[in-house]
Amino acid sequence: MEVGEHLDALRREGELLAAAAERSDLDTPIPTCPEWRMRDLVRHVGDVHRWARAHLAEGRLKPIGPTELPEVAGPVPADAHLLPWFREGHARLLRTLETAEPNTQCWTFLPAPSPVAFWARRQAHETGIHRADAESPGGRTEITSFPPRFAVDGIEEMLFGFLGGAGGEPVDPPRTLHLHATDTGGEWLVRLGETVEVSREDAPADCSVQAPASDLHLLLWNRRSPEGLEIDGDDSVLSLWRQTVKVEWSRSR
């Protein structure tokens, strides 16, 4: 996907997140993030948007740490002003990405053609996954499906960005997971062993999951259960995934 497509997705997902939060009480529990209520989710994404924007807008070459976050993001407002605060941060992030010079240099943490491309992609998917969280109190059927092309891009970011060649606790015996996006034809093979190895191929695996790309994207981010998906083989591989593959971002105040 191109930068413009990621910006369109970031705009869409942020608007959907705000709309979902507006429909709910800020004390509403978030089933997909059991430790959070809606208030915590909106605060988190609002902070992330400001944190991300500052790297690009200020040309920061080192990551902004947790002690710097209050200065970068400003004070968290009271509940009555929380959604306007979120929308303001979302809009400022979009403007910064839209107007950034293509050769802008700043800190990033995944491979990308440029820092602008990195932040556009990362914030589109960060916002999208948390939009699904914001909709999750209504049940799985209320979570808006991701457009297939965007979902595939999110799958690729997870598998080749966050996980490609990752270390962590070794899996013994090694296990394999095959994913097939039924609406796009995408195929991925994940080998869990001493490290995590990922390839785009159709090959035998301990467990194979076939589903639309949006469902696979949510499954990989542990935002939906395997229930209702077409699964062949040993489904304990999916339990292993849920237990061992976690992407966490914390800038607690």
Protein backbone atom coordinates (compact mmCIF):
# COMPACT_ATOMS: atom_id res chain seq x y z
CA MET A 1 0.00 0.00 0.00
CA GLU A 2 1.10 3.56 -0.70
CA VAL A 3 1.35 6.35 1.88
CA GLY A 4 -1.86 7.95 0.63
CA GLU A 5 -3.76 4.70 1.13
CA HIS A 6 -2.45 4.38 4.67
CA LEU A 7 -3.51 7.95 5.41
CA ASP A 8 -7.01 7.24 4.09
CA ALA A 9 -7.12 4.18 6.37
CA LEU A 10 -5.82 6.16 9.36
CA ARG A 11 -8.54 8.77 8.81
CA ARG A 12 -11.26 6.13 8.47
CA GLU A 13 -10.18 4.04 11.45
CA GLY A 14 -9.81 7.05 13.74
CA GLU A 15 -13.29 8.28 12.86
CA LEU A 16 -14.76 4.82 13.49
CA LEU A 17 -12.96 4.58 16.83
CA ALA A 18 -14.27 7.96 17.95
CA ALA A 19 -17.79 7.05 16.85
CA ALA A 20 -17.66 3.77 18.79
CA ALA A 21 -16.43 5.54 21.91
CA GLU A 22 -19.13 8.18 21.55
CA ARG A 23 -21.82 5.46 21.51
CA SER A 24 -20.51 3.98 24.77
CA ASP A 25 -20.04 5.02 28.34
CA LEU A 26 -16.39 5.67 29.13
CA ASP A 27 -16.64 3.07 31.92
CA THR A 28 -17.55 0.34 29.42
CA PRO A 29 -15.21 -2.68 29.74
CA ILE A 30 -13.25 -3.63 26.59
CA PRO A 31 -13.56 -7.41 26.05
CA THR A 32 -10.53 -7.59 23.72
CA CYS A 33 -8.36 -5.73 26.29
CA PRO A 34 -9.77 -6.98 29.60
CA GLU A 35 -7.62 -4.66 31.72
CA TRP A 36 -9.07 -1.57 29.99
CA ARG A 37 -12.28 0.40 29.94
CA MET A 38 -13.26 2.68 27.07
CA ARG A 39 -11.65 5.64 28.83
CA ASP A 40 -8.28 3.82 28.97
CA LEU A 41 -8.49 2.87 25.30
CA VAL A 42 -9.21 6.42 24.12
CA ARG A 43 -6.43 7.81 26.32
CA HIS A 44 -3.98 5.23 25.01
CA VAL A 45 -4.63 5.90 21.34
CA GLY A 46 -4.66 9.65 21.91
CA ASP A 47 -1.25 9.36 23.56
CA VAL A 48 0.09 7.12 20.78
CA HIS A 49 -1.02 9.57 18.08
CA ARG A 50 0.78 12.43 19.84
CA TRP A 51 3.86 10.28 20.52
CA ALA A 52 4.05 9.18 16.88
CA ARG A 53 3.51 12.69 15.52
CA ALA A 54 6.28 14.16 17.66
CA HIS A 55 8.92 11.87 16.16
CA LEU A 56 8.07 13.07 12.67
CA ALA A 57 7.20 16.70 13.37
CA GLU A 58 10.31 17.30 15.49
CA GLY A 59 12.66 15.08 13.51
CA ARG A 60 13.53 13.07 16.61
CA LEU A 61 16.26 10.51 15.93
CA LYS A 62 15.82 8.71 19.25
CA PRO A 63 12.63 7.20 20.65
CA ILE A 64 10.53 9.27 23.00
CA GLY A 65 10.54 7.47 26.33
CA PRO A 66 7.79 7.21 28.96
CA THR A 67 9.17 10.05 31.09
CA GLU A 68 8.90 12.40 28.11
CA LEU A 69 5.35 11.45 27.19
CA PRO A 70 3.51 13.96 29.43
CA GLU A 71 5.54 16.78 27.88
CA VAL A 72 4.91 15.53 24.33
CA ALA A 73 1.25 14.57 24.69
CA GLY A 74 0.15 17.14 27.22
CA PRO A 75 -2.23 16.51 30.12
CA VAL A 76 -5.00 13.94 29.78
CA PRO A 77 -8.31 15.80 29.92
CA ALA A 78 -11.33 15.05 32.05
CA ASP A 79 -13.95 12.71 30.65
CA ALA A 80 -16.10 15.51 29.21
CA HIS A 81 -13.22 16.63 26.99
CA LEU A 82 -11.64 13.24 26.23
CA LEU A 83 -13.18 12.65 22.80
CA PRO A 84 -12.45 16.18 21.49
CA TRP A 85 -8.87 15.68 22.75
CA PHE A 86 -8.67 12.37 20.87
CA ARG A 87 -10.04 13.89 17.67
CA GLU A 88 -7.63 16.81 17.88
CA GLY A 89 -4.62 14.49 18.21
CA HIS A 90 -5.84 12.28 15.37
CA ALA A 91 -6.31 15.31 13.09
CA ARG A 92 -2.87 16.73 13.95
CA LEU A 93 -1.20 13.39 13.22
CA LEU A 94 -2.93 13.25 9.84
CA ARG A 95 -1.90 16.81 8.97
CA THR A 96 1.71 16.14 9.94
CA LEU A 97 1.87 13.01 7.80
CA GLU A 98 0.12 14.69 4.87
CA THR A 99 2.49 17.68 4.85
CA ALA A 100 5.78 15.98 5.80
CA GLU A 101 8.62 16.23 3.31
CA PRO A 102 9.27 12.83 1.72
CA ASN A 103 12.91 12.88 2.85
CA THR A 104 12.10 13.68 6.51
CA GLN A 105 14.33 11.69 8.85
CA CYS A 106 13.31 10.46 12.30
CA TRP A 107 13.31 7.36 14.48
CA THR A 108 11.39 4.28 13.35
CA PHE A 109 11.35 0.67 14.51
CA LEU A 110 10.29 -1.47 11.53
CA PRO A 111 11.64 -1.65 7.97
CA ALA A 112 9.94 0.84 5.61
CA PRO A 113 10.73 2.82 2.44
CA SER A 114 10.93 6.03 4.51
CA PRO A 115 10.06 7.35 7.98
CA VAL A 116 6.92 8.97 6.56
CA ALA A 117 5.84 5.65 5.05
CA PHE A 118 6.61 3.85 8.29
CA TRP A 119 4.56 6.15 10.51
CA ALA A 120 1.63 6.29 8.09
CA ARG A 121 1.45 2.51 7.96
CA ARG A 122 2.08 1.88 11.65
CA GLN A 123 -0.46 4.44 12.84
CA ALA A 124 -3.09 3.22 10.38
CA HIS A 125 -2.85 -0.30 11.79
CA GLU A 126 -2.41 0.81 15.40
CA THR A 127 -5.60 2.84 15.10
CA GLY A 128 -7.40 0.07 13.22
CA ILE A 129 -6.74 -2.63 15.80
CA HIS A 130 -7.81 -0.33 18.61
CA ARG A 131 -10.90 0.66 16.62
CA ALA A 132 -11.81 -3.03 16.72
CA ASP A 133 -11.26 -2.89 20.49
CA ALA A 134 -13.60 0.11 20.74
CA GLU A 135 -16.32 -1.80 18.86
CA SER A 136 -15.82 -5.07 20.75
CA PRO A 137 -18.27 -4.32 23.61
CA GLY A 138 -21.04 -4.86 21.06
CA GLY A 139 -19.87 -8.40 20.32
CA ARG A 140 -17.96 -9.88 17.40
CA THR A 141 -20.69 -9.12 14.86
CA GLU A 142 -20.40 -5.39 15.66
CA ILE A 143 -16.71 -5.20 14.73
CA THR A 144 -16.42 -3.56 11.32
CA SER A 145 -14.48 -5.72 8.87
CA PHE A 146 -11.22 -4.30 7.57
CA PRO A 147 -11.06 -3.80 3.78
CA PRO A 148 -9.25 -6.87 2.39
CA ARG A 149 -6.25 -4.98 1.00
CA PHE A 150 -5.73 -3.16 4.30
CA ALA A 151 -6.14 -6.39 6.27
CA VAL A 152 -3.50 -8.15 4.17
CA ASP A 153 -1.15 -5.24 4.72
CA GLY A 154 -1.73 -5.57 8.46
CA ILE A 155 -1.04 -9.31 8.33
CA GLU A 156 2.21 -8.61 6.48
CA GLU A 157 3.24 -5.95 8.98
CA MET A 158 2.69 -8.36 11.85
CA LEU A 159 4.39 -11.36 10.25
CA PHE A 160 7.31 -9.74 8.44
CA GLY A 161 7.69 -6.63 10.60
CA PHE A 162 7.03 -7.51 14.21
CA LEU A 163 7.69 -11.25 13.96
CA GLY A 164 10.08 -11.84 11.06
CA GLY A 165 13.25 -13.35 12.53
CA ALA A 166 12.05 -12.56 16.06
CA GLY A 167 13.70 -14.15 19.05
CA GLY A 168 11.92 -14.75 22.33
CA GLU A 169 11.18 -18.03 24.05
CA PRO A 170 11.91 -21.00 21.74
CA VAL A 171 9.02 -23.32 20.89
CA ASP A 172 9.91 -26.99 21.42
CA PRO A 173 8.88 -29.00 19.55
CA PRO A 174 8.66 -26.57 16.61
CA ARG A 175 5.16 -25.91 15.27
CA THR A 176 3.88 -24.53 11.99
CA LEU A 177 0.83 -22.41 11.18
CA HIS A 178 -0.55 -21.90 7.69
CA LEU A 179 -2.87 -18.99 6.90
CA HIS A 180 -5.01 -18.61 3.78
CA ALA A 181 -6.98 -15.43 3.10
CA THR A 182 -10.00 -16.69 1.20
CA ASP A 183 -10.95 -13.30 -0.25
CA THR A 184 -7.51 -12.28 -1.56
CA GLY A 185 -5.71 -15.59 -2.10
CA GLY A 186 -2.87 -14.61 0.24
CA GLU A 187 -0.94 -17.50 1.83
CA TRP A 188 1.52 -17.43 4.71
CA LEU A 189 3.48 -20.10 6.57
CA VAL A 190 4.71 -19.36 10.09
CA ARG A 191 7.37 -21.62 11.65
CA LEU A 192 7.59 -21.34 15.42
CA GLY A 193 10.82 -22.84 16.79
CA GLU A 194 14.12 -21.43 18.03
CA THR A 195 13.06 -18.27 16.18
CA VAL A 196 10.01 -17.26 14.16
CA GLU A 197 10.32 -17.73 10.41
CA VAL A 198 7.69 -16.49 7.96
CA SER A 199 7.22 -17.11 4.25
CA ARG A 200 4.52 -16.55 1.65
CA GLU A 201 3.68 -20.09 0.66
CA ASP A 202 1.10 -22.84 0.68
CA ALA A 203 2.66 -25.75 2.50
CA PRO A 204 1.63 -28.50 4.95
CA ALA A 205 1.42 -27.26 8.54
CA ASP A 206 0.45 -28.49 11.97
CA CYS A 207 -2.51 -26.12 11.83
CA SER A 208 -4.12 -24.37 8.88
CA VAL A 209 -6.65 -21.53 9.07
CA GLN A 210 -8.77 -20.33 6.15
CA ALA A 211 -10.78 -17.13 6.54
CA PRO A 212 -11.27 -13.67 5.03
CA ALA A 213 -8.22 -11.45 5.49
CA SER A 214 -9.98 -9.26 8.05
CA ASP A 215 -10.62 -12.25 10.32
CA LEU A 216 -7.04 -13.47 9.96
CA HIS A 217 -5.77 -9.99 10.83
CA LEU A 218 -7.89 -9.89 13.99
CA LEU A 219 -6.89 -13.45 14.87
CA LEU A 220 -3.17 -12.72 14.62
CA TRP A 221 -3.58 -9.67 16.86
CA ASN A 222 -5.54 -11.79 19.37
CA ARG A 223 -8.66 -9.68 18.78
CA ARG A 224 -10.93 -12.59 17.90
CA SER A 225 -11.20 -16.26 18.76
CA PRO A 226 -10.79 -19.04 16.17
CA GLU A 227 -14.49 -19.87 16.60
CA GLY A 228 -16.29 -19.87 13.27
CA LEU A 229 -13.13 -20.08 11.16
CA GLU A 230 -12.17 -23.06 8.97
CA ILE A 231 -9.39 -24.82 10.87
CA ASP A 232 -7.57 -28.01 9.89
CA GLY A 233 -5.09 -29.85 12.06
CA ASP A 234 -4.00 -29.19 15.61
CA ASP A 235 -5.80 -26.11 16.88
CA SER A 236 -3.57 -26.03 19.98
CA VAL A 237 -1.13 -24.13 17.73
CA LEU A 238 -3.57 -21.20 17.92
CA SER A 239 -3.57 -21.39 21.71
CA LEU A 240 0.24 -21.36 21.60
CA TRP A 241 0.09 -18.27 19.36
CA ARG A 242 -2.24 -16.46 21.75
CA GLN A 243 0.00 -17.26 24.71
CA THR A 244 3.36 -16.41 23.14
CA VAL A 245 2.84 -13.80 20.41
CA LYS A 246 2.04 -10.43 21.93
CA VAL A 247 2.88 -6.92 20.74
CA GLU A 248 2.74 -4.45 23.60
CA TRP A 249 3.29 -0.70 23.71
CA SER A 250 3.38 1.03 27.02
CA ARG A 251 3.98 4.69 27.78
CA SER A 252 2.18 4.80 31.10
CA ARG A 253 1.96 8.15 32.82
